Amino acid sequence: MKDRPRVQDFDWTLMGLVGAISAIGLLEIYSSTHASAMAGMQWKQLMWIGIGLVGMFVISRIDYHTLMDHAPALYMVGIAGLLVVLAIGYSRLGAKRWISLGGENLQVSEFMKLIIIVVLARYLAEVRTDRLTLADIGKIGVLTLIPVGLILKQPDLGTAMVLVPVAVVGAILAGIEWKHAVVGLLALALLIPLAWNMRNHLKPYQQQRIQTFLHPEEDQRGAGYQILQSEIAVGSGGFWGKGFGKGSQNQLGFVPVRYSDFILAALAEEQGFIGVCVVLLLYLGLILRLVDNAQKAKDRAGMYVVMGVTAILGFHVLVNASMVIGYMPVTGIPLPLMSYGGSATAFVFLALGLVMSVRMRRFVN
C-alpha cells in the first residue's frame, strides 16, 4: 500500500486532454484578436493557465478530506465574498460581479462553485441511508439556493444556473426517491409559467435575452444580433471551415465576444464541422475521464467531489455549445479551458486540482 500520494499518481491522460483543449483555445483567441485592438490576449490567457496549473498542483497536495473538514468555514467565506461583491463590487454593463484586486477583476462566484462542490460532497457523504429523505433534500436545496440567490442579485443568471447541476447530480447519486424527483419536476413545470408572467420584473436586458431567444429575427441589429451572427459564422464554416485566421465573421469582428462566450462559433467558421467535432470529442473524453476517476475514488466523499466537478464542466459545455447555435438563450456561460477569462480559467484548474486530490489518494490508507 502507498502511504502518501506522488506526482506519478496524477491522471496524465486527463492532463493531456486539458492541454489539447487549452492549446486550441489559445490559438483561437489569437486568431480572434490578433488583427484588433485586443491583440495579445492569448498571452494573458496563457498566464492564467500557468497560474491555474500552479493552483491545481497546490490543491492536489491537500487531502480533500481536510478541505471537507473546513467546509462550513469555506461556505461562510464564500457567502461573505458574495455579499462584499453586492456591497462594493466593481460594476460593468449594469452588473456588479467582480472585486478589483491587484489590477485584476476577480469573479467571486467562480470560486463559489468550488466551495459548493466541497460543501455538498461533505453533506452527502455524511448521509447514512440509501435514500435521501425530504429533510435531506431540503437541506441540499437551502445550501444551494442561498448562493444562487446572491449571485442572481448581481445579476448573473448563467453562474447561478451552474450551481444547480451539482445539487441535482449529487441528489441522484445519493439516492433520491423517484416520487420526490417527480414532485420536483412537477414543481419546476409549474414555476415556468409563473416565471414567464413575472418577466416584467426582470432587468431590461434579461427580458431582451428571453425575447431574442424566441424570435431573434425580430431585432437583427439589436438584441438578436449576437445569436444571428453566431449562427451565420457556424453555418459559413461548412464541413472543413475557411482556414485558420480566414473566417470573415470572426476576423471582421461580426461574431460577438468571439474570444470568450462565442469562441466556439469562431472556431466553427475557421475549422468547420470537423473542427467542432474534434473539440467536442476532446470534451467528451474529459468528461468520461472524470467519471472514471469518480468510480475509482476510495470513498463516497471523493466520488461526490469528482462528480460535482463533472456536473459543472459538463453543464458549461452543453449550455455554451447550445447557445452558439441558438438552442439556448445567451447566458454568458464560457466554454471551459477555451474561452478567455481569468477567474473562469482559474476555477477549472482548481476544480481539476480537487479531482487530482481524490485520484492521488485512492490507494492511501
Protein backbone atom coordinates (compact mmCIF):
# COMPACT_ATOMS: atom_id res chain seq x y z
CA MET A 1 0.00 0.00 0.00
CA LYS A 2 1.17 3.53 -0.73
CA ASP A 3 1.43 5.68 2.36
CA ARG A 4 1.43 9.03 0.59
CA PRO A 5 0.41 10.41 -2.80
CA ARG A 6 3.01 11.01 -5.50
CA VAL A 7 3.11 13.21 -8.61
CA GLN A 8 3.29 10.00 -10.65
CA ASP A 9 -0.27 9.31 -9.48
CA PHE A 10 -1.55 12.31 -11.46
CA ASP A 11 -4.03 11.45 -14.19
CA TRP A 12 -1.75 12.28 -17.11
CA THR A 13 -4.37 11.21 -19.65
CA LEU A 14 -6.72 13.81 -18.19
CA MET A 15 -3.93 16.40 -18.30
CA GLY A 16 -3.30 15.56 -21.96
CA LEU A 17 -6.95 16.29 -22.77
CA VAL A 18 -6.79 19.53 -20.76
CA GLY A 19 -3.62 20.57 -22.57
CA ALA A 20 -5.11 19.88 -26.01
CA ILE A 21 -8.29 21.87 -25.31
CA SER A 22 -6.31 24.76 -23.78
CA ALA A 23 -3.95 24.87 -26.78
CA ILE A 24 -6.88 25.05 -29.22
CA GLY A 25 -8.36 27.83 -27.10
CA LEU A 26 -5.11 29.84 -27.17
CA LEU A 27 -4.89 29.50 -30.96
CA GLU A 28 -8.49 30.62 -31.43
CA ILE A 29 -8.09 33.56 -29.03
CA TYR A 30 -5.06 34.64 -31.10
CA SER A 31 -6.97 34.21 -34.36
CA SER A 32 -9.92 36.20 -32.99
CA THR A 33 -7.92 39.14 -31.66
CA HIS A 34 -4.58 39.49 -33.49
CA ALA A 35 -5.91 42.00 -36.03
CA SER A 36 -7.78 44.10 -33.47
CA ALA A 37 -7.14 46.43 -30.56
CA MET A 38 -7.28 43.34 -28.31
CA ALA A 39 -4.18 41.78 -29.87
CA GLY A 40 -2.06 39.82 -27.40
CA MET A 41 -4.89 38.44 -25.29
CA GLN A 42 -3.60 34.93 -25.82
CA TRP A 43 -0.52 35.76 -23.70
CA LYS A 44 -2.69 36.89 -20.81
CA GLN A 45 -4.76 33.71 -21.14
CA LEU A 46 -1.52 31.69 -21.14
CA MET A 47 -0.55 33.47 -17.92
CA TRP A 48 -3.84 32.44 -16.31
CA ILE A 49 -3.33 28.86 -17.48
CA GLY A 50 0.09 28.91 -15.82
CA ILE A 51 -1.39 30.29 -12.60
CA GLY A 52 -4.14 27.69 -12.81
CA LEU A 53 -1.63 24.86 -13.18
CA VAL A 54 0.22 26.02 -10.07
CA GLY A 55 -3.09 26.26 -8.18
CA MET A 56 -4.09 22.80 -9.39
CA PHE A 57 -0.83 21.32 -8.12
CA VAL A 58 -1.23 23.04 -4.73
CA ILE A 59 -4.83 21.83 -4.32
CA SER A 60 -3.86 18.30 -5.36
CA ARG A 61 -1.37 18.15 -2.50
CA ILE A 62 -4.10 18.93 0.04
CA ASP A 63 -6.13 15.95 1.23
CA TYR A 64 -9.70 16.56 0.09
CA HIS A 65 -10.88 15.31 3.47
CA THR A 66 -9.09 18.28 5.05
CA LEU A 67 -10.99 20.64 2.76
CA MET A 68 -14.25 18.93 3.64
CA ASP A 69 -13.47 19.26 7.36
CA HIS A 70 -13.39 23.02 6.79
CA ALA A 71 -16.48 23.06 4.55
CA PRO A 72 -18.65 25.16 6.94
CA ALA A 73 -15.94 27.84 7.21
CA LEU A 74 -15.38 27.81 3.44
CA TYR A 75 -19.12 28.19 2.89
CA MET A 76 -19.30 31.22 5.19
CA VAL A 77 -16.28 32.79 3.47
CA GLY A 78 -17.94 32.25 0.08
CA ILE A 79 -21.23 33.79 1.21
CA ALA A 80 -19.34 36.72 2.76
CA GLY A 81 -17.48 37.22 -0.52
CA LEU A 82 -20.73 37.35 -2.48
CA LEU A 83 -22.12 39.91 -0.02
CA VAL A 84 -18.97 42.02 -0.43
CA VAL A 85 -19.45 41.95 -4.20
CA LEU A 86 -23.02 43.23 -3.80
CA ALA A 87 -21.83 45.96 -1.42
CA ILE A 88 -18.65 47.32 -3.02
CA GLY A 89 -18.07 45.21 -6.12
CA TYR A 90 -16.92 46.52 -9.48
CA SER A 91 -19.79 47.19 -11.90
CA ARG A 92 -19.74 46.76 -15.66
CA LEU A 93 -22.60 46.84 -18.15
CA GLY A 94 -25.16 47.03 -15.35
CA ALA A 95 -23.82 44.01 -13.47
CA LYS A 96 -21.87 44.01 -10.19
CA ARG A 97 -19.95 40.71 -10.30
CA TRP A 98 -16.29 41.48 -9.64
CA ILE A 99 -13.86 42.56 -6.94
CA SER A 100 -10.83 44.55 -8.09
CA LEU A 101 -7.66 43.01 -6.70
CA GLY A 102 -4.13 43.80 -7.82
CA GLY A 103 -5.30 45.33 -11.08
CA GLU A 104 -7.42 42.29 -11.95
CA ASN A 105 -11.17 41.85 -11.65
CA LEU A 106 -11.90 38.58 -9.82
CA GLN A 107 -15.33 37.00 -10.07
CA VAL A 108 -16.10 35.64 -6.60
CA SER A 109 -18.98 33.49 -7.89
CA GLU A 110 -16.48 31.36 -9.84
CA PHE A 111 -14.83 30.32 -6.59
CA MET A 112 -18.24 29.72 -5.01
CA LYS A 113 -18.57 26.84 -7.48
CA LEU A 114 -15.59 25.13 -5.82
CA ILE A 115 -17.00 25.74 -2.38
CA ILE A 116 -20.44 24.34 -3.19
CA ILE A 117 -18.80 21.18 -4.59
CA VAL A 118 -16.93 20.61 -1.32
CA VAL A 119 -19.90 21.55 0.90
CA LEU A 120 -22.41 19.29 -0.84
CA ALA A 121 -19.88 16.43 -1.06
CA ARG A 122 -19.40 16.60 2.70
CA TYR A 123 -23.11 16.70 3.42
CA LEU A 124 -23.97 13.85 1.03
CA ALA A 125 -21.09 11.70 2.30
CA GLU A 126 -22.50 12.01 5.82
CA VAL A 127 -25.92 10.73 4.78
CA ARG A 128 -26.00 7.16 6.11
CA THR A 129 -29.14 5.91 4.37
CA ASP A 130 -29.61 4.53 0.87
CA ARG A 131 -32.34 7.06 0.12
CA LEU A 132 -32.49 10.79 0.72
CA THR A 133 -35.29 11.96 2.97
CA LEU A 134 -37.29 15.11 2.32
CA ALA A 135 -35.27 16.76 5.11
CA ASP A 136 -32.04 15.85 3.30
CA ILE A 137 -33.37 17.27 0.04
CA GLY A 138 -34.46 20.42 1.84
CA LYS A 139 -31.01 20.94 3.34
CA ILE A 140 -29.34 20.41 -0.03
CA GLY A 141 -31.76 22.95 -1.52
CA VAL A 142 -31.05 25.56 1.16
CA LEU A 143 -27.27 25.16 0.90
CA THR A 144 -27.51 25.64 -2.87
CA LEU A 145 -30.19 28.32 -3.11
CA ILE A 146 -28.54 30.80 -0.73
CA PRO A 147 -25.53 31.40 -3.02
CA VAL A 148 -27.77 31.08 -6.08
CA GLY A 149 -29.94 33.91 -4.76
CA LEU A 150 -26.95 36.15 -4.03
CA ILE A 151 -25.47 35.52 -7.48
CA LEU A 152 -28.83 36.30 -9.11
CA LYS A 153 -28.75 39.66 -7.31
CA GLN A 154 -25.56 40.66 -9.15
CA PRO A 155 -27.26 39.75 -11.59
CA ASP A 156 -25.57 36.70 -13.12
CA LEU A 157 -28.12 34.13 -14.26
CA GLY A 158 -25.54 31.95 -16.01
CA THR A 159 -23.29 31.34 -13.00
CA ALA A 160 -26.30 30.92 -10.71
CA MET A 161 -27.61 28.18 -13.01
CA VAL A 162 -24.26 26.35 -12.90
CA LEU A 163 -24.56 25.63 -9.16
CA VAL A 164 -27.80 23.69 -9.63
CA PRO A 165 -26.38 20.66 -11.52
CA VAL A 166 -24.02 19.96 -8.60
CA ALA A 167 -27.01 19.56 -6.29
CA VAL A 168 -29.05 17.60 -8.83
CA VAL A 169 -26.27 15.12 -9.71
CA GLY A 170 -25.39 14.74 -6.03
CA ALA A 171 -29.01 14.01 -5.10
CA ILE A 172 -29.33 11.42 -7.87
CA LEU A 173 -26.15 9.63 -6.80
CA ALA A 174 -27.18 9.75 -3.14
CA GLY A 175 -30.45 8.00 -3.94
CA ILE A 176 -33.30 10.47 -4.37
CA GLU A 177 -36.63 8.62 -4.42
CA TRP A 178 -38.49 8.65 -7.71
CA LYS A 179 -41.61 10.15 -6.13
CA HIS A 180 -39.58 13.08 -4.76
CA ALA A 181 -37.96 13.54 -8.18
CA VAL A 182 -41.39 13.57 -9.85
CA VAL A 183 -42.66 16.16 -7.34
CA GLY A 184 -39.59 18.31 -8.03
CA LEU A 185 -40.11 18.12 -11.79
CA LEU A 186 -43.80 18.98 -11.44
CA ALA A 187 -42.93 21.94 -9.21
CA LEU A 188 -40.43 23.13 -11.82
CA ALA A 189 -43.02 22.76 -14.57
CA LEU A 190 -45.50 24.83 -12.55
CA LEU A 191 -42.89 27.51 -11.91
CA ILE A 192 -42.16 28.06 -15.61
CA PRO A 193 -45.45 29.86 -16.42
CA LEU A 194 -45.16 31.76 -13.14
CA ALA A 195 -41.66 32.92 -14.06
CA TRP A 196 -42.87 33.90 -17.52
CA ASN A 197 -45.68 36.01 -16.05
CA MET A 198 -43.11 37.73 -13.81
CA ARG A 199 -40.76 38.56 -16.70
CA ASN A 200 -41.65 42.26 -16.45
CA HIS A 201 -39.79 42.31 -13.12
CA LEU A 202 -36.56 41.27 -14.84
CA LYS A 203 -33.95 43.79 -15.89
CA PRO A 204 -34.46 45.11 -19.44
CA TYR A 205 -31.50 43.23 -20.91
CA GLN A 206 -32.74 39.97 -19.34
CA GLN A 207 -36.17 40.47 -20.90
CA GLN A 208 -34.45 41.12 -24.23
CA ARG A 209 -32.50 37.87 -23.99
CA ILE A 210 -35.66 35.84 -23.47
CA GLN A 211 -37.47 37.56 -26.32
CA THR A 212 -34.39 37.32 -28.55
CA PHE A 213 -34.01 33.60 -27.93
CA LEU A 214 -37.60 33.03 -29.04
CA HIS A 215 -37.57 35.44 -32.01
CA PRO A 216 -34.03 36.69 -32.85
CA GLU A 217 -35.06 37.75 -36.35
CA GLU A 218 -37.35 40.47 -34.94
CA ASP A 219 -34.35 42.60 -33.87
CA GLN A 220 -31.48 41.66 -36.15
CA ARG A 221 -29.43 44.79 -35.40
CA GLY A 222 -30.20 44.90 -31.70
CA ALA A 223 -30.90 42.17 -29.18
CA GLY A 224 -30.96 39.43 -31.83
CA TYR A 225 -27.56 40.39 -33.25
CA GLN A 226 -25.46 38.04 -31.10
CA ILE A 227 -27.36 34.85 -31.84
CA LEU A 228 -27.83 35.59 -35.55
CA GLN A 229 -24.16 36.44 -36.15
CA SER A 230 -23.11 33.35 -34.24
CA GLU A 231 -25.38 31.17 -36.36
CA ILE A 232 -24.07 32.81 -39.55
CA ALA A 233 -20.48 32.09 -38.50
CA VAL A 234 -21.25 28.46 -37.66
CA GLY A 235 -23.08 27.95 -40.96
CA SER A 236 -20.47 29.68 -43.11
CA GLY A 237 -17.74 27.36 -41.85
CA GLY A 238 -19.30 24.40 -43.62
CA PHE A 239 -17.70 21.00 -43.20
CA TRP A 240 -13.99 21.85 -43.43
CA GLY A 241 -14.02 25.52 -42.44
CA LYS A 242 -12.40 28.54 -44.09
CA GLY A 243 -8.99 28.01 -42.53
CA PHE A 244 -7.11 29.40 -39.54
CA GLY A 245 -7.34 33.19 -39.44
CA LYS A 246 -9.56 33.33 -42.54
CA GLY A 247 -13.09 33.45 -41.15
CA SER A 248 -14.70 36.72 -42.27
CA GLN A 249 -17.29 36.79 -39.49
CA ASN A 250 -14.54 36.22 -36.95
CA GLN A 251 -11.76 38.37 -38.42
CA LEU A 252 -14.04 41.35 -39.17
CA GLY A 253 -15.50 41.27 -35.67
CA PHE A 254 -19.06 40.33 -36.53
CA VAL A 255 -19.05 37.40 -34.10
CA PRO A 256 -19.77 38.92 -30.65
CA VAL A 257 -17.29 38.27 -27.81
CA ARG A 258 -15.56 35.89 -30.22
CA TYR A 259 -12.62 35.29 -27.85
CA SER A 260 -14.83 34.26 -24.93
CA ASP A 261 -18.53 33.33 -24.85
CA PHE A 262 -18.74 32.73 -28.63
CA ILE A 263 -15.31 31.22 -29.21
CA LEU A 264 -16.93 28.01 -30.46
CA ALA A 265 -18.70 29.98 -33.20
CA ALA A 266 -15.35 31.48 -34.26
CA LEU A 267 -13.80 28.01 -34.30
CA ALA A 268 -16.72 26.62 -36.32
CA GLU A 269 -16.23 29.24 -39.03
CA GLU A 270 -12.49 28.66 -39.35
CA GLN A 271 -12.25 24.90 -38.72
CA GLY A 272 -15.74 23.85 -39.80
CA PHE A 273 -17.91 20.99 -38.62
CA ILE A 274 -14.91 18.66 -38.40
CA GLY A 275 -13.06 21.07 -36.11
CA VAL A 276 -16.04 21.41 -33.78
CA CYS A 277 -16.40 17.61 -33.68
CA VAL A 278 -12.75 17.27 -32.64
CA VAL A 279 -13.23 19.76 -29.81
CA LEU A 280 -16.46 18.15 -28.62
CA LEU A 281 -14.80 14.72 -28.69
CA LEU A 282 -11.99 16.12 -26.52
CA TYR A 283 -14.60 17.39 -24.06
CA LEU A 284 -16.35 14.02 -24.15
CA GLY A 285 -13.05 12.35 -23.36
CA LEU A 286 -12.53 14.80 -20.50
CA ILE A 287 -15.97 14.08 -19.02
CA LEU A 288 -15.56 10.31 -19.36
CA ARG A 289 -12.14 10.51 -17.71
CA LEU A 290 -13.63 12.46 -14.80
CA VAL A 291 -16.36 9.84 -14.39
CA ASP A 292 -13.69 7.14 -14.40
CA ASN A 293 -11.88 8.97 -11.59
CA ALA A 294 -15.15 9.21 -9.65
CA GLN A 295 -15.66 5.46 -9.97
CA LYS A 296 -12.14 4.79 -8.69
CA ALA A 297 -12.39 7.13 -5.68
CA LYS A 298 -11.68 5.32 -2.41
CA ASP A 299 -14.82 6.64 -0.68
CA ARG A 300 -18.19 8.29 -1.29
CA ALA A 301 -16.82 11.72 -0.38
CA GLY A 302 -14.26 11.55 -3.17
CA MET A 303 -16.86 10.29 -5.62
CA TYR A 304 -19.17 13.23 -4.83
CA VAL A 305 -16.31 15.72 -5.22
CA VAL A 306 -15.32 14.44 -8.66
CA MET A 307 -18.91 14.15 -9.88
CA GLY A 308 -19.57 17.70 -8.70
CA VAL A 309 -16.71 18.90 -10.91
CA THR A 310 -18.03 16.73 -13.75
CA ALA A 311 -21.54 18.18 -13.41
CA ILE A 312 -20.30 21.77 -13.64
CA LEU A 313 -17.91 21.27 -16.56
CA GLY A 314 -20.45 19.18 -18.47
CA PHE A 315 -23.13 21.80 -17.91
CA HIS A 316 -20.78 24.55 -19.15
CA VAL A 317 -20.05 22.70 -22.38
CA LEU A 318 -23.69 21.77 -23.01
CA VAL A 319 -25.04 25.29 -22.44
CA ASN A 320 -22.28 27.10 -24.34
CA ALA A 321 -22.49 24.81 -27.37
CA SER A 322 -26.29 25.12 -27.40
CA MET A 323 -26.05 28.90 -27.05
CA VAL A 324 -23.86 29.47 -30.11
CA ILE A 325 -26.33 27.65 -32.38
CA GLY A 326 -29.39 29.37 -30.91
CA TYR A 327 -30.79 26.45 -28.92
CA MET A 328 -30.43 28.26 -25.59
CA PRO A 329 -30.55 31.94 -24.59
CA VAL A 330 -27.32 33.92 -24.28
CA THR A 331 -26.30 33.41 -20.65
CA GLY A 332 -22.62 34.33 -20.60
CA ILE A 333 -21.51 30.81 -19.64
CA PRO A 334 -17.97 30.35 -21.05
CA LEU A 335 -16.53 27.25 -22.70
CA PRO A 336 -14.16 25.65 -20.16
CA LEU A 337 -10.43 25.96 -20.95
CA MET A 338 -11.10 27.61 -24.33
CA SER A 339 -12.88 30.87 -23.51
CA TYR A 340 -10.75 33.81 -22.40
CA GLY A 341 -11.18 34.74 -18.74
CA GLY A 342 -9.01 34.74 -15.64
CA SER A 343 -11.47 33.70 -12.93
CA ALA A 344 -13.16 31.09 -15.13
CA THR A 345 -9.82 29.57 -16.15
CA ALA A 346 -8.58 29.53 -12.56
CA PHE A 347 -11.78 27.80 -11.44
CA VAL A 348 -11.37 24.95 -13.95
CA PHE A 349 -7.79 24.22 -12.90
CA LEU A 350 -8.58 24.45 -9.19
CA ALA A 351 -11.52 22.09 -9.75
CA LEU A 352 -9.19 19.69 -11.55
CA GLY A 353 -6.89 20.01 -8.54
CA LEU A 354 -9.73 18.62 -6.42
CA VAL A 355 -10.05 15.72 -8.85
CA MET A 356 -6.33 15.05 -8.64
CA SER A 357 -6.51 15.17 -4.84
CA VAL A 358 -9.11 12.41 -4.93
CA ARG A 359 -7.26 10.35 -7.53
CA MET A 360 -3.86 10.56 -5.80
CA ARG A 361 -5.33 9.23 -2.56
CA ARG A 362 -7.27 6.28 -3.92
CA PHE A 363 -4.63 3.87 -2.56
CA VAL A 364 -3.66 5.83 0.56
CA ASN A 365 -4.61 4.42 3.97
